[in-house]
Protein backbone atom coordinates (compact mmCIF):
# COMPACT_ATOMS: atom_id res chain seq x y z
CA UNK A 1 -2.99 45.09 -51.81
CA UNK A 2 -3.34 44.39 -48.10
CA UNK A 3 -4.30 40.96 -46.77
CA UNK A 4 -6.01 40.91 -43.41
CA UNK A 5 -6.13 37.61 -41.53
CA UNK A 6 -8.90 36.89 -39.07
CA UNK A 7 -6.82 34.17 -37.33
CA UNK A 8 -5.18 34.95 -34.00
CA UNK A 9 -1.39 34.63 -33.87
CA UNK A 10 -0.17 31.00 -33.60
CA UNK A 11 1.23 31.41 -30.04
CA UNK A 12 -2.04 32.81 -28.77
CA UNK A 13 -4.04 29.97 -30.37
CA UNK A 14 -1.76 27.37 -28.73
CA UNK A 15 -2.16 29.07 -25.37
CA UNK A 16 -5.96 29.03 -25.69
CA UNK A 17 -5.97 25.31 -26.59
CA UNK A 18 -3.73 24.36 -23.68
CA UNK A 19 -5.79 26.41 -21.24
CA UNK A 20 -9.00 24.76 -22.47
CA UNK A 21 -7.51 21.28 -22.09
CA UNK A 22 -6.23 22.12 -18.61
CA UNK A 23 -9.66 23.20 -17.33
CA UNK A 24 -11.50 20.42 -19.16
CA UNK A 25 -9.28 17.92 -17.34
CA UNK A 26 -10.36 19.28 -13.97
CA UNK A 27 -14.04 18.96 -14.83
CA UNK A 28 -13.72 15.33 -15.91
CA UNK A 29 -12.12 14.08 -12.67
CA UNK A 30 -14.77 12.34 -10.55
CA UNK A 31 -15.21 13.43 -6.95
CA UNK A 32 -12.83 11.57 -4.65
CA UNK A 33 -10.52 10.55 -7.49
CA UNK A 34 -6.87 10.99 -6.75
CA UNK A 35 -7.37 10.40 -3.04
CA UNK A 36 -5.11 7.70 -1.69
CA UNK A 37 -6.76 4.62 -0.22
CA UNK A 38 -6.45 4.24 3.53
CA UNK A 39 -3.02 3.01 4.59
CA UNK A 40 -2.32 -0.65 5.17
CA UNK A 41 -0.20 -1.93 8.01
CA UNK A 42 1.06 -5.20 9.44
CA UNK A 43 0.72 -6.34 13.04
CA UNK A 44 2.74 -9.27 14.38
CA UNK A 45 0.69 -11.28 16.92
CA UNK A 46 2.01 -14.11 19.11
CA UNK A 47 -0.41 -16.44 20.87
CA UNK A 48 0.59 -18.77 23.69
CA UNK A 49 -0.94 -20.27 26.83
CA UNK A 50 -0.16 -16.90 28.43
CA UNK A 51 -2.44 -15.11 25.95
CA UNK A 52 -2.19 -12.91 22.87
CA UNK A 53 0.55 -10.31 22.44
CA UNK A 54 -0.54 -7.69 21.68
CA UNK A 55 -3.96 -8.27 23.19
CA UNK A 56 -5.37 -5.05 21.70
CA UNK A 57 -5.12 -4.26 18.00
CA UNK A 58 -5.98 -0.72 16.90
CA UNK A 59 -7.54 -0.20 13.45
CA UNK A 60 -9.47 2.39 11.49
CA UNK A 61 -12.70 1.82 9.60
CA UNK A 62 -11.79 0.96 6.00
CA UNK A 63 -8.10 0.39 6.83
CA UNK A 64 -6.68 -3.02 5.97
CA UNK A 65 -4.66 -4.55 8.78
CA UNK A 66 -2.48 -7.52 7.88
CA UNK A 67 -2.13 -9.87 10.85
CA UNK A 68 0.79 -12.28 11.02
CA UNK A 69 -0.10 -14.68 13.82
CA UNK A 70 2.42 -17.15 15.25
CA UNK A 71 2.34 -19.62 18.14
CA UNK A 72 4.67 -19.34 21.10
CA UNK A 73 4.17 -22.92 22.24
CA UNK A 74 1.44 -25.20 20.82
CA UNK A 75 -1.44 -25.19 18.35
CA UNK A 76 -3.93 -22.36 18.85
CA UNK A 77 -6.73 -20.62 16.99
CA UNK A 78 -7.48 -16.98 16.15
CA UNK A 79 -11.25 -16.41 16.15
CA UNK A 80 -12.82 -13.01 15.46
CA UNK A 81 -16.56 -13.68 15.12
CA UNK A 82 -17.54 -10.10 14.23
CA UNK A 83 -15.63 -10.43 10.94
CA UNK A 84 -16.26 -14.18 10.44
CA UNK A 85 -12.61 -15.16 10.90
CA UNK A 86 -11.37 -18.40 12.41
CA UNK A 87 -7.83 -19.57 11.62
CA UNK A 88 -5.61 -22.29 13.05
CA UNK A 89 -2.22 -21.18 14.33
CA UNK A 90 0.34 -23.97 14.11
CA UNK A 91 3.80 -23.84 15.76
CA UNK A 92 6.60 -23.11 13.30
CA UNK A 93 4.33 -21.44 10.72
CA UNK A 94 2.90 -17.96 10.32
CA UNK A 95 -0.84 -17.64 9.81
CA UNK A 96 -1.57 -14.56 7.70
CA UNK A 97 -4.95 -12.89 7.59
CA UNK A 98 -6.35 -9.50 6.66
CA UNK A 99 -8.97 -7.47 8.46
CA UNK A 100 -10.68 -4.50 6.79
CA UNK A 101 -13.28 -3.30 9.32
CA UNK A 102 -16.45 -1.85 7.84
CA UNK A 103 -17.74 -0.49 11.16
CA UNK A 104 -16.42 1.04 14.34
CA UNK A 105 -16.44 -0.56 17.77
CA UNK A 106 -14.60 -3.03 19.98
CA UNK A 107 -14.57 -6.61 18.73
CA UNK A 108 -13.25 -9.50 20.85
CA UNK A 109 -11.02 -12.27 19.52
CA UNK A 110 -10.00 -15.48 21.27
CA UNK A 111 -8.45 -18.93 20.91
CA UNK A 112 -11.27 -21.32 20.03
CA UNK A 113 -9.27 -24.41 21.03
CA UNK A 114 -9.08 -23.60 24.74
CA UNK A 115 -11.58 -24.06 27.53
CA UNK A 116 -11.67 -23.27 31.22
CA UNK A 117 -9.02 -20.97 32.69
CA UNK A 118 -6.90 -21.02 29.51
CA UNK A 119 -9.88 -19.72 27.52
CA UNK A 120 -10.13 -16.72 29.87
CA UNK A 121 -6.45 -15.90 29.32
CA UNK A 122 -6.32 -16.29 25.54
CA UNK A 123 -8.43 -13.30 24.59
CA UNK A 124 -7.97 -9.90 22.99
CA UNK A 125 -9.80 -7.20 21.12
CA UNK A 126 -9.73 -5.22 17.88
CA UNK A 127 -10.63 -1.58 18.51
CA UNK A 128 -11.85 0.15 15.36
CA UNK A 129 -12.02 3.95 15.24
CA UNK A 130 -13.58 6.16 12.55
């Protein structure tokens, strides 16, 4: 008496299952998944009566930039109207703030505590590229 099995050999069945799972996994990954978020970076900014250093901050749309603002002499302010930011900068302390631009362009920042000639000096810009 001869018994004929209709099942494929065990190794072949395992291979088929693993292959199916492998390709099913690729189909279930949403578009854009697995892509790293834009990089984050930190920029040290010093403000004094002489102005901001650096006076130009480069950023990319969607990139978070951590600013660590310190005073070189007296109390100042960091105002960036385009992103609704206004922070006091007190001597001896670091003022931390994050900027994640949602659009490209050149956006001015300034010290909102100064007037006259000092106000002209204490200015800078955030330049956001695509």
